[in-house]
Amino acid sequence: SAVGRQLARRLDAVFVDTDAEIERRIGQSIRAFFEQSGEDAFRQIEAEVLDALTGGGVRTTTAFSDAVVLATGGGIVLRPENRQRLRTRGTVLYLYAQPRQLLRRVQNDSQRPLLQVENPLERLQALYAQRHLLYRECAHFEIDTRGLSSSALVNHIAARLGLSVKPE
């Protein structure tokens, strides 16, 4: 999300985070929804929101331009229809990191329901093993985030996409 926000700002585009949009739609945190309704119910809403945000239905937000940077939740690739929508309705950038690097980034984030376990590194390793190839299936570009700051990632993304960006 941090890189997406910066990229949108630099491209003068609209930024949308699917998780924030889901929370707006359900009227509570994703963690609370997970606890009450379970992961399957969450994944259904996630698919509906992605469909709407990528042009498959009525938009769930009001202010859109032609340029949108969309940040998705980590499990969005679990459903085949989501991977197909991502691949065919936009340009997908798979920003990846190894599980140990991810743990450093999220270790103090108590809002990630799948990481509220005794051994979050083990869970991250399992999620990476489950999702890595699914992300690769729908990605147009893959970018290793290791050692790159958010600003460096934004510059790298812009260069890979051949885009001009407005100065920071």
Foldseek 3Di string as FASTA:
>chain_A
DLLLVVLCQQAVAAEEELQVLLCVVVVHHPLVCCVVPNDVVVLVSSLVQLCQVLPNDPHSDDDHDPGYRYHYDLCNLVDVVSLVSLQPRDAAEAEDEQLVVVCVVCVPPPRPNQQPDPDSSVSSNVSCVVCVVSSVSRHPHYHYCPPPDSVRVSVVVCVVVVHRTHDD
